[in-house]
PDB file of N, CA and C in Angstrom:
ATOM      1  N   MET A   1       1.065  27.320  -2.769  1.00  0.00           N
ATOM      2  CA  MET A   1      -0.294  26.934  -2.489  1.00  0.00           C
ATOM      3  C   MET A   1      -0.806  27.641  -1.221  1.00  0.00           C
ATOM      4  N   LYS A   2       0.076  27.801  -0.219  1.00  0.00           N
ATOM      5  CA  LYS A   2      -0.328  28.475   1.016  1.00  0.00           C
ATOM      6  C   LYS A   2      -0.686  29.927   0.752  1.00  0.00           C
ATOM      7  N   LYS A   3       0.044  30.567  -0.161  1.00  0.00           N
ATOM      8  CA  LYS A   3      -0.237  31.963  -0.491  1.00  0.00           C
ATOM      9  C   LYS A   3      -1.601  32.094  -1.161  1.00  0.00           C
ATOM     10  N   VAL A   4      -1.924  31.167  -2.043  1.00  0.00           N
ATOM     11  CA  VAL A   4      -3.206  31.190  -2.727  1.00  0.00           C
ATOM     12  C   VAL A   4      -4.346  30.997  -1.723  1.00  0.00           C
ATOM     13  N   LEU A   5      -4.187  30.053  -0.806  1.00  0.00           N
ATOM     14  CA  LEU A   5      -5.200  29.822   0.218  1.00  0.00           C
ATOM     15  C   LEU A   5      -5.358  31.032   1.130  1.00  0.00           C
ATOM     16  N   PHE A   6      -4.234  31.669   1.468  1.00  0.00           N
ATOM     17  CA  PHE A   6      -4.275  32.863   2.300  1.00  0.00           C
ATOM     18  C   PHE A   6      -5.040  33.985   1.580  1.00  0.00           C
ATOM     19  N   LEU A   7      -4.748  34.207   0.295  1.00  0.00           N
ATOM     20  CA  LEU A   7      -5.438  35.233  -0.484  1.00  0.00           C
ATOM     21  C   LEU A   7      -6.927  34.917  -0.612  1.00  0.00           C
ATOM     22  N   LEU A   8      -7.244  33.656  -0.836  1.00  0.00           N
ATOM     23  CA  LEU A   8      -8.642  33.248  -0.931  1.00  0.00           C
ATOM     24  C   LEU A   8      -9.375  33.491   0.387  1.00  0.00           C
ATOM     25  N   ALA A   9      -8.756  33.173   1.498  1.00  0.00           N
ATOM     26  CA  ALA A   9      -9.352  33.409   2.811  1.00  0.00           C
ATOM     27  C   ALA A   9      -9.531  34.899   3.065  1.00  0.00           C
ATOM     28  N   LEU A  10      -8.572  35.701   2.643  1.00  0.00           N
ATOM     29  CA  LEU A  10      -8.649  37.152   2.807  1.00  0.00           C
ATOM     30  C   LEU A  10      -9.802  37.732   1.982  1.00  0.00           C
ATOM     31  N   VAL A  11      -9.946  37.273   0.755  1.00  0.00           N
ATOM     32  CA  VAL A  11     -11.030  37.745  -0.107  1.00  0.00           C
ATOM     33  C   VAL A  11     -12.377  37.346   0.483  1.00  0.00           C
ATOM     34  N   MET A  12     -12.501  36.133   0.953  1.00  0.00           N
ATOM     35  CA  MET A  12     -13.763  35.668   1.528  1.00  0.00           C
ATOM     36  C   MET A  12     -14.113  36.464   2.787  1.00  0.00           C
ATOM     37  N   ALA A  13     -13.134  36.799   3.585  1.00  0.00           N
ATOM     38  CA  ALA A  13     -13.375  37.564   4.809  1.00  0.00           C
ATOM     39  C   ALA A  13     -13.843  38.981   4.483  1.00  0.00           C
ATOM     40  N   SER A  14     -13.340  39.558   3.408  1.00  0.00           N
ATOM     41  CA  SER A  14     -13.728  40.929   3.057  1.00  0.00           C
ATOM     42  C   SER A  14     -15.125  40.978   2.461  1.00  0.00           C
ATOM     43  N   CYS A  15     -15.669  39.854   2.056  1.00  0.00           N
ATOM     44  CA  CYS A  15     -17.006  39.818   1.471  1.00  0.00           C
ATOM     45  C   CYS A  15     -18.080  39.486   2.502  1.00  0.00           C
ATOM     46  N   ALA A  16     -17.720  39.459   3.750  1.00  0.00           N
ATOM     47  CA  ALA A  16     -18.682  39.115   4.799  1.00  0.00           C
ATOM     48  C   ALA A  16     -19.799  40.147   4.841  1.00  0.00           C
ATOM     49  N   LEU A  17     -21.000  39.676   5.077  1.00  0.00           N
ATOM     50  CA  LEU A  17     -22.150  40.555   5.196  1.00  0.00           C
ATOM     51  C   LEU A  17     -22.298  40.998   6.645  1.00  0.00           C
ATOM     52  N   GLN A  18     -22.606  42.254   6.807  1.00  0.00           N
ATOM     53  CA  GLN A  18     -22.817  42.781   8.147  1.00  0.00           C
ATOM     54  C   GLN A  18     -23.919  43.822   8.075  1.00  0.00           C
ATOM     55  N   THR A  19     -24.824  43.797   9.024  1.00  0.00           N
ATOM     56  CA  THR A  19     -25.913  44.772   9.091  1.00  0.00           C
ATOM     57  C   THR A  19     -25.833  45.505  10.419  1.00  0.00           C
ATOM     58  N   LYS A  20     -25.844  46.834  10.332  1.00  0.00           N
ATOM     59  CA  LYS A  20     -25.842  47.675  11.530  1.00  0.00           C
ATOM     60  C   LYS A  20     -27.113  48.508  11.514  1.00  0.00           C
ATOM     61  N   HIS A  21     -27.753  48.608  12.670  1.00  0.00           N
ATOM     62  CA  HIS A  21     -28.955  49.427  12.772  1.00  0.00           C
ATOM     63  C   HIS A  21     -28.544  50.866  13.054  1.00  0.00           C
ATOM     64  N   ARG A  22     -29.146  51.795  12.341  1.00  0.00           N
ATOM     65  CA  ARG A  22     -28.862  53.217  12.513  1.00  0.00           C
ATOM     66  C   ARG A  22     -30.136  53.939  12.942  1.00  0.00           C
ATOM     67  N   GLY A  23     -30.022  54.809  13.907  1.00  0.00           N
ATOM     68  CA  GLY A  23     -31.166  55.602  14.349  1.00  0.00           C
ATOM     69  C   GLY A  23     -31.995  54.876  15.393  1.00  0.00           C
ATOM     70  N   TYR A  24     -33.287  55.162  15.392  1.00  0.00           N
ATOM     71  CA  TYR A  24     -34.200  54.608  16.391  1.00  0.00           C
ATOM     72  C   TYR A  24     -34.557  53.169  16.079  1.00  0.00           C
ATOM     73  N   VAL A  25     -34.823  52.419  17.117  1.00  0.00           N
ATOM     74  CA  VAL A  25     -35.402  51.082  16.974  1.00  0.00           C
ATOM     75  C   VAL A  25     -36.877  51.250  17.324  1.00  0.00           C
ATOM     76  N   PHE A  26     -37.690  51.362  16.287  1.00  0.00           N
ATOM     77  CA  PHE A  26     -39.116  51.576  16.489  1.00  0.00           C
ATOM     78  C   PHE A  26     -39.790  50.271  16.899  1.00  0.00           C
ATOM     79  N   PRO A  27     -40.848  50.355  17.711  1.00  0.00           N
ATOM     80  CA  PRO A  27     -41.603  49.147  18.059  1.00  0.00           C
ATOM     81  C   PRO A  27     -42.354  48.624  16.837  1.00  0.00           C
ATOM     82  N   GLU A  28     -42.684  47.341  16.840  1.00  0.00           N
ATOM     83  CA  GLU A  28     -43.393  46.725  15.720  1.00  0.00           C
ATOM     84  C   GLU A  28     -44.732  47.396  15.444  1.00  0.00           C
ATOM     85  N   ASN A  29     -45.442  47.770  16.481  1.00  0.00           N
ATOM     86  CA  ASN A  29     -46.771  48.378  16.338  1.00  0.00           C
ATOM     87  C   ASN A  29     -46.693  49.908  16.426  1.00  0.00           C
ATOM     88  N   LEU A  30     -45.786  50.502  15.692  1.00  0.00           N
ATOM     89  CA  LEU A  30     -45.547  51.946  15.769  1.00  0.00           C
ATOM     90  C   LEU A  30     -46.809  52.748  15.453  1.00  0.00           C
ATOM     91  N   GLU A  31     -47.535  52.370  14.413  1.00  0.00           N
ATOM     92  CA  GLU A  31     -48.737  53.123  14.032  1.00  0.00           C
ATOM     93  C   GLU A  31     -49.761  53.167  15.159  1.00  0.00           C
ATOM     94  N   GLU A  32     -49.981  52.036  15.816  1.00  0.00           N
ATOM     95  CA  GLU A  32     -50.939  51.980  16.925  1.00  0.00           C
ATOM     96  C   GLU A  32     -50.469  52.817  18.103  1.00  0.00           C
ATOM     97  N   ARG A  33     -49.197  52.749  18.413  1.00  0.00           N
ATOM     98  CA  ARG A  33     -48.671  53.483  19.571  1.00  0.00           C
ATOM     99  C   ARG A  33     -48.695  54.982  19.340  1.00  0.00           C
ATOM    100  N   VAL A  34     -48.392  55.407  18.134  1.00  0.00           N
ATOM    101  CA  VAL A  34     -48.355  56.837  17.825  1.00  0.00           C
ATOM    102  C   VAL A  34     -49.767  57.413  17.711  1.00  0.00           C
ATOM    103  N   ALA A  35     -50.730  56.608  17.288  1.00  0.00           N
ATOM    104  CA  ALA A  35     -52.106  57.090  17.090  1.00  0.00           C
ATOM    105  C   ALA A  35     -52.725  57.634  18.371  1.00  0.00           C
ATOM    106  N   ASN A  36     -52.326  57.124  19.518  1.00  0.00           N
ATOM    107  CA  ASN A  36     -52.917  57.539  20.790  1.00  0.00           C
ATOM    108  C   ASN A  36     -52.145  58.648  21.498  1.00  0.00           C
ATOM    109  N   ILE A  37     -51.082  59.120  20.907  1.00  0.00           N
ATOM    110  CA  ILE A  37     -50.249  60.155  21.540  1.00  0.00           C
ATOM    111  C   ILE A  37     -50.831  61.534  21.244  1.00  0.00           C
ATOM    112  N   LYS A  38     -51.050  62.308  22.302  1.00  0.00           N
ATOM    113  CA  LYS A  38     -51.650  63.641  22.167  1.00  0.00           C
ATOM    114  C   LYS A  38     -50.719  64.766  22.610  1.00  0.00           C
ATOM    115  N   THR A  39     -49.685  64.450  23.420  1.00  0.00           N
ATOM    116  CA  THR A  39     -48.785  65.491  23.920  1.00  0.00           C
ATOM    117  C   THR A  39     -47.330  65.114  23.636  1.00  0.00           C
ATOM    118  N   THR A  40     -46.476  66.120  23.669  1.00  0.00           N
ATOM    119  CA  THR A  40     -45.042  65.865  23.442  1.00  0.00           C
ATOM    120  C   THR A  40     -44.439  65.055  24.590  1.00  0.00           C
ATOM    121  N   THR A  41     -44.979  65.198  25.787  1.00  0.00           N
ATOM    122  CA  THR A  41     -44.494  64.410  26.928  1.00  0.00           C
ATOM    123  C   THR A  41     -44.774  62.928  26.696  1.00  0.00           C
ATOM    124  N   GLN A  42     -45.972  62.601  26.240  1.00  0.00           N
ATOM    125  CA  GLN A  42     -46.294  61.206  25.920  1.00  0.00           C
ATOM    126  C   GLN A  42     -45.380  60.688  24.814  1.00  0.00           C
ATOM    127  N   LEU A  43     -45.144  61.512  23.797  1.00  0.00           N
ATOM    128  CA  LEU A  43     -44.291  61.136  22.672  1.00  0.00           C
ATOM    129  C   LEU A  43     -42.870  60.831  23.143  1.00  0.00           C
ATOM    130  N   GLN A  44     -42.327  61.696  23.986  1.00  0.00           N
ATOM    131  CA  GLN A  44     -40.969  61.480  24.488  1.00  0.00           C
ATOM    132  C   GLN A  44     -40.898  60.264  25.397  1.00  0.00           C
ATOM    133  N   ASP A  45     -41.929  59.998  26.164  1.00  0.00           N
ATOM    134  CA  ASP A  45     -41.958  58.806  27.008  1.00  0.00           C
ATOM    135  C   ASP A  45     -42.025  57.538  26.152  1.00  0.00           C
ATOM    136  N   GLU A  46     -42.794  57.593  25.073  1.00  0.00           N
ATOM    137  CA  GLU A  46     -43.035  56.423  24.223  1.00  0.00           C
ATOM    138  C   GLU A  46     -41.886  56.157  23.243  1.00  0.00           C
ATOM    139  N   ILE A  47     -41.402  57.210  22.568  1.00  0.00           N
ATOM    140  CA  ILE A  47     -40.408  57.064  21.498  1.00  0.00           C
ATOM    141  C   ILE A  47     -39.041  57.615  21.908  1.00  0.00           C
ATOM    142  N   GLY A  48     -39.035  58.717  22.633  1.00  0.00           N
ATOM    143  CA  GLY A  48     -37.779  59.365  23.008  1.00  0.00           C
ATOM    144  C   GLY A  48     -37.691  60.744  22.388  1.00  0.00           C
ATOM    145  N   ASP A  49     -36.556  61.381  22.556  1.00  0.00           N
ATOM    146  CA  ASP A  49     -36.339  62.703  21.974  1.00  0.00           C
ATOM    147  C   ASP A  49     -36.108  62.565  20.468  1.00  0.00           C
ATOM    148  N   PRO A  50     -36.526  63.563  19.683  1.00  0.00           N
ATOM    149  CA  PRO A  50     -36.321  63.481  18.234  1.00  0.00           C
ATOM    150  C   PRO A  50     -34.855  63.660  17.875  1.00  0.00           C
ATOM    151  N   GLN A  51     -34.496  63.152  16.707  1.00  0.00           N
ATOM    152  CA  GLN A  51     -33.128  63.338  16.228  1.00  0.00           C
ATOM    153  C   GLN A  51     -32.914  64.769  15.764  1.00  0.00           C
ATOM    154  N   THR A  52     -33.969  65.361  15.237  1.00  0.00           N
ATOM    155  CA  THR A  52     -33.875  66.748  14.799  1.00  0.00           C
ATOM    156  C   THR A  52     -35.258  67.383  14.841  1.00  0.00           C
ATOM    157  N   ARG A  53     -35.254  68.693  14.865  1.00  0.00           N
ATOM    158  CA  ARG A  53     -36.491  69.480  14.821  1.00  0.00           C
ATOM    159  C   ARG A  53     -36.314  70.544  13.756  1.00  0.00           C
ATOM    160  N   THR A  54     -37.402  70.889  13.087  1.00  0.00           N
ATOM    161  CA  THR A  54     -37.303  71.921  12.065  1.00  0.00           C
ATOM    162  C   THR A  54     -37.021  73.275  12.701  1.00  0.00           C
ATOM    163  N   MET A  55     -36.351  74.142  11.939  1.00  0.00           N
ATOM    164  CA  MET A  55     -36.021  75.471  12.434  1.00  0.00           C
ATOM    165  C   MET A  55     -36.981  76.531  11.910  1.00  0.00           C
ATOM    166  N   TYR A  56     -37.565  76.291  10.739  1.00  0.00           N
ATOM    167  CA  TYR A  56     -38.427  77.282  10.099  1.00  0.00           C
ATOM    168  C   TYR A  56     -39.773  76.661   9.783  1.00  0.00           C
ATOM    169  N   GLY A  57     -40.795  77.470   9.746  1.00  0.00           N
ATOM    170  CA  GLY A  57     -42.126  76.978   9.405  1.00  0.00           C
ATOM    171  C   GLY A  57     -42.728  76.196  10.557  1.00  0.00           C
ATOM    172  N   ASP A  58     -43.568  75.214  10.216  1.00  0.00           N
ATOM    173  CA  ASP A  58     -44.204  74.380  11.239  1.00  0.00           C
ATOM    174  C   ASP A  58     -43.138  73.634  12.027  1.00  0.00           C
ATOM    175  N   GLU A  59     -43.380  73.474  13.331  1.00  0.00           N
ATOM    176  CA  GLU A  59     -42.443  72.698  14.134  1.00  0.00           C
ATOM    177  C   GLU A  59     -42.722  71.211  13.895  1.00  0.00           C
ATOM    178  N   VAL A  60     -41.725  70.520  13.349  1.00  0.00           N
ATOM    179  CA  VAL A  60     -41.839  69.100  13.054  1.00  0.00           C
ATOM    180  C   VAL A  60     -40.671  68.388  13.717  1.00  0.00           C
ATOM    181  N   TRP A  61     -40.996  67.330  14.463  1.00  0.00           N
ATOM    182  CA  TRP A  61     -39.973  66.485  15.064  1.00  0.00           C
ATOM    183  C   TRP A  61     -39.736  65.307  14.133  1.00  0.00           C
ATOM    184  N   VAL A  62     -38.464  64.956  13.930  1.00  0.00           N
ATOM    185  CA  VAL A  62     -38.110  63.909  12.980  1.00  0.00           C
ATOM    186  C   VAL A  62     -37.369  62.785  13.702  1.00  0.00           C
ATOM    187  N   TYR A  63     -37.852  61.555  13.489  1.00  0.00           N
ATOM    188  CA  TYR A  63     -37.225  60.335  14.001  1.00  0.00           C
ATOM    189  C   TYR A  63     -36.885  59.471  12.788  1.00  0.00           C
ATOM    190  N   TYR A  64     -35.662  58.913  12.728  1.00  0.00           N
ATOM    191  CA  TYR A  64     -35.219  58.149  11.564  1.00  0.00           C
ATOM    192  C   TYR A  64     -34.637  56.808  11.989  1.00  0.00           C
ATOM    193  N   SER A  65     -34.875  55.801  11.170  1.00  0.00           N
ATOM    194  CA  SER A  65     -34.360  54.464  11.432  1.00  0.00           C
ATOM    195  C   SER A  65     -34.007  53.796  10.106  1.00  0.00           C
ATOM    196  N   ALA A  66     -32.892  53.052  10.061  1.00  0.00           N
ATOM    197  CA  ALA A  66     -32.505  52.305   8.852  1.00  0.00           C
ATOM    198  C   ALA A  66     -31.516  51.217   9.222  1.00  0.00           C
ATOM    199  N   ASP A  67     -31.437  50.211   8.348  1.00  0.00           N
ATOM    200  CA  ASP A  67     -30.424  49.167   8.474  1.00  0.00           C
ATOM    201  C   ASP A  67     -29.343  49.428   7.441  1.00  0.00           C
ATOM    202  N   GLU A  68     -28.099  49.523   7.894  1.00  0.00           N
ATOM    203  CA  GLU A  68     -26.950  49.742   7.020  1.00  0.00           C
ATOM    204  C   GLU A  68     -26.340  48.375   6.716  1.00  0.00           C
ATOM    205  N   ASN A  69     -26.299  48.010   5.435  1.00  0.00           N
ATOM    206  CA  ASN A  69     -25.789  46.705   5.027  1.00  0.00           C
ATOM    207  C   ASN A  69     -24.411  46.861   4.412  1.00  0.00           C
ATOM    208  N   LEU A  70     -23.428  46.226   5.029  1.00  0.00           N
ATOM    209  CA  LEU A  70     -22.046  46.266   4.547  1.00  0.00           C
ATOM    210  C   LEU A  70     -21.759  44.961   3.812  1.00  0.00           C
ATOM    211  N   HIS A  71     -21.260  45.070   2.580  1.00  0.00           N
ATOM    212  CA  HIS A  71     -21.012  43.909   1.730  1.00  0.00           C
ATOM    213  C   HIS A  71     -19.548  43.846   1.322  1.00  0.00           C
ATOM    214  N   GLY A  72     -18.641  43.897   2.255  1.00  0.00           N
ATOM    215  CA  GLY A  72     -17.219  43.823   1.917  1.00  0.00           C
ATOM    216  C   GLY A  72     -16.811  45.004   1.053  1.00  0.00           C
ATOM    217  N   PRO A  73     -16.222  44.741  -0.124  1.00  0.00           N
ATOM    218  CA  PRO A  73     -15.717  45.834  -0.967  1.00  0.00           C
ATOM    219  C   PRO A  73     -16.803  46.541  -1.777  1.00  0.00           C
ATOM    220  N   PHE A  74     -18.040  46.075  -1.709  1.00  0.00           N
ATOM    221  CA  PHE A  74     -19.115  46.669  -2.500  1.00  0.00           C
ATOM    222  C   PHE A  74     -19.752  47.838  -1.750  1.00  0.00           C
ATOM    223  N   PRO A  75     -20.484  48.703  -2.475  1.00  0.00           N
ATOM    224  CA  PRO A  75     -21.095  49.868  -1.823  1.00  0.00           C
ATOM    225  C   PRO A  75     -22.073  49.476  -0.709  1.00  0.00           C
ATOM    226  N   THR A  76     -22.142  50.309   0.299  1.00  0.00           N
ATOM    227  CA  THR A  76     -23.061  50.120   1.409  1.00  0.00           C
ATOM    228  C   THR A  76     -24.481  50.397   0.924  1.00  0.00           C
ATOM    229  N   THR A  77     -25.431  49.575   1.355  1.00  0.00           N
ATOM    230  CA  THR A  77     -26.840  49.794   1.018  1.00  0.00           C
ATOM    231  C   THR A  77     -27.634  49.981   2.309  1.00  0.00           C
ATOM    232  N   TYR A  78     -28.797  50.587   2.167  1.00  0.00           N
ATOM    233  CA  TYR A  78     -29.670  50.826   3.315  1.00  0.00           C
ATOM    234  C   TYR A  78     -31.057  50.283   2.992  1.00  0.00           C
ATOM    235  N   ASP A  79     -31.664  49.602   3.963  1.00  0.00           N
ATOM    236  CA  ASP A  79     -33.034  49.144   3.793  1.00  0.00           C
ATOM    237  C   ASP A  79     -33.754  49.202   5.129  1.00  0.00           C
ATOM    238  N   ASN A  80     -35.013  48.819   5.116  1.00  0.00           N
ATOM    239  CA  ASN A  80     -35.870  48.919   6.296  1.00  0.00           C
ATOM    240  C   ASN A  80     -35.878  50.341   6.850  1.00  0.00           C
ATOM    241  N   LYS A  81     -35.872  51.310   5.926  1.00  0.00           N
ATOM    242  CA  LYS A  81     -35.873  52.713   6.342  1.00  0.00           C
ATOM    243  C   LYS A  81     -37.261  53.094   6.848  1.00  0.00           C
ATOM    244  N   LYS A  82     -37.267  53.912   7.873  1.00  0.00           N
ATOM    245  CA  LYS A  82     -38.539  54.386   8.417  1.00  0.00           C
ATOM    246  C   LYS A  82     -38.299  55.775   8.999  1.00  0.00           C
ATOM    247  N   VAL A  83     -39.216  56.688   8.704  1.00  0.00           N
ATOM    248  CA  VAL A  83     -39.149  58.047   9.232  1.00  0.00           C
ATOM    249  C   VAL A  83     -40.486  58.346   9.897  1.00  0.00           C
ATOM    250  N   LEU A  84     -40.424  58.855  11.107  1.00  0.00           N
ATOM    251  CA  LEU A  84     -41.616  59.308  11.814  1.00  0.00           C
ATOM    252  C   LEU A  84     -41.556  60.830  11.876  1.00  0.00           C
ATOM    253  N   LEU A  85     -42.555  61.472  11.292  1.00  0.00           N
ATOM    254  CA  LEU A  85     -42.672  62.928  11.329  1.00  0.00           C
ATOM    255  C   LEU A  85     -43.817  63.284  12.269  1.00  0.00           C
ATOM    256  N   VAL A  86     -43.554  64.222  13.174  1.00  0.00           N
ATOM    257  CA  VAL A  86     -44.571  64.616  14.157  1.00  0.00           C
ATOM    258  C   VAL A  86     -44.680  66.139  14.147  1.00  0.00           C
ATOM    259  N   TRP A  87     -45.858  66.630  13.769  1.00  0.00           N
ATOM    260  CA  TRP A  87     -46.113  68.064  13.798  1.00  0.00           C
ATOM    261  C   TRP A  87     -46.538  68.450  15.216  1.00  0.00           C
ATOM    262  N   VAL A  88     -45.868  69.470  15.763  1.00  0.00           N
ATOM    263  CA  VAL A  88     -46.045  69.851  17.164  1.00  0.00           C
ATOM    264  C   VAL A  88     -46.398  71.333  17.245  1.00  0.00           C
ATOM    265  N   ASN A  89     -47.285  71.653  18.194  1.00  0.00           N
ATOM    266  CA  ASN A  89     -47.596  73.047  18.500  1.00  0.00           C
ATOM    267  C   ASN A  89     -47.531  73.178  20.010  1.00  0.00           C
ATOM    268  N   GLY A  90     -46.434  73.753  20.506  1.00  0.00           N
ATOM    269  CA  GLY A  90     -46.230  73.839  21.953  1.00  0.00           C
ATOM    270  C   GLY A  90     -46.043  72.449  22.532  1.00  0.00           C
ATOM    271  N   LYS A  91     -46.961  72.030  23.394  1.00  0.00           N
ATOM    272  CA  LYS A  91     -46.907  70.693  24.006  1.00  0.00           C
ATOM    273  C   LYS A  91     -47.881  69.718  23.345  1.00  0.00           C
ATOM    274  N   LYS A  92     -48.605  70.182  22.310  1.00  0.00           N
ATOM    275  CA  LYS A  92     -49.604  69.332  21.647  1.00  0.00           C
ATOM    276  C   LYS A  92     -49.028  68.682  20.396  1.00  0.00           C
ATOM    277  N   VAL A  93     -49.379  67.424  20.183  1.00  0.00           N
ATOM    278  CA  VAL A  93     -49.064  66.731  18.943  1.00  0.00           C
ATOM    279  C   VAL A  93     -50.247  66.935  18.009  1.00  0.00           C
ATOM    280  N   LEU A  94     -50.003  67.592  16.863  1.00  0.00           N
ATOM    281  CA  LEU A  94     -51.072  67.901  15.927  1.00  0.00           C
ATOM    282  C   LEU A  94     -51.310  66.787  14.911  1.00  0.00           C
ATOM    283  N   LYS A  95     -50.221  66.209  14.420  1.00  0.00           N
ATOM    284  CA  LYS A  95     -50.332  65.238  13.331  1.00  0.00           C
ATOM    285  C   LYS A  95     -49.072  64.377  13.319  1.00  0.00           C
ATOM    286  N   THR A  96     -49.223  63.123  12.906  1.00  0.00           N
ATOM    287  CA  THR A  96     -48.070  62.233  12.742  1.00  0.00           C
ATOM    288  C   THR A  96     -48.120  61.597  11.362  1.00  0.00           C
ATOM    289  N   LYS A  97     -46.957  61.281  10.822  1.00  0.00           N
ATOM    290  CA  LYS A  97     -46.882  60.594   9.532  1.00  0.00           C
ATOM    291  C   LYS A  97     -45.685  59.649   9.573  1.00  0.00           C
ATOM    292  N   ILE A  98     -45.905  58.403   9.132  1.00  0.00           N
ATOM    293  CA  ILE A  98     -44.850  57.402   9.094  1.00  0.00           C
ATOM    294  C   ILE A  98     -44.528  57.111   7.633  1.00  0.00           C
ATOM    295  N   LEU A  99     -43.250  57.248   7.284  1.00  0.00           N
ATOM    296  CA  LEU A  99     -42.787  56.960   5.927  1.00  0.00           C
ATOM    297  C   LEU A  99     -41.920  55.712   5.964  1.00  0.00           C
ATOM    298  N   ASP A 100     -42.180  54.759   5.053  1.00  0.00           N
ATOM    299  CA  ASP A 100     -41.410  53.524   4.947  1.00  0.00           C
ATOM    300  C   ASP A 100     -40.548  53.551   3.700  1.00  0.00           C
ATOM    301  N   ASP A 101     -39.858  52.434   3.432  1.00  0.00           N
ATOM    302  CA  ASP A 101     -39.009  52.323   2.232  1.00  0.00           C
ATOM    303  C   ASP A 101     -39.736  52.782   0.971  1.00  0.00           C
ATOM    304  N   LYS A 102     -40.945  52.306   0.766  1.00  0.00           N
ATOM    305  CA  LYS A 102     -41.674  52.607  -0.469  1.00  0.00           C
ATOM    306  C   LYS A 102     -41.999  54.088  -0.579  1.00  0.00           C
ATOM    307  N   ASP A 103     -42.174  54.789   0.534  1.00  0.00           N
ATOM    308  CA  ASP A 103     -42.483  56.218   0.533  1.00  0.00           C
ATOM    309  C   ASP A 103     -41.240  57.076   0.325  1.00  0.00           C
ATOM    310  N   LEU A 104     -40.094  56.529   0.698  1.00  0.00           N
ATOM    311  CA  LEU A 104     -38.857  57.301   0.603  1.00  0.00           C
ATOM    312  C   LEU A 104     -38.216  57.071  -0.739  1.00  0.00           C
TER     313      LEU A 104
END
């Protein structure tokens, strides 16, 4: 009986739910905050440095955020995904676009 209880406890422990945040923690009012940004200095002060920048074509700064959900032995899922794309020309911010779960 002790072995069965031990196995049951082990199985239950492996099914624990855990969520880890990956990438940036964006503010709740991201659209409002980004709308007023005109320079890369303001952008870096407000959001931080980008995770990546494009190498070819238009210079675009990319910021990414997601929640990684661990479900024990089951596949990992991701939700609350958000991507901020910022088109930059020198020190000027030309355009911004925010993509959410539904857009991705």
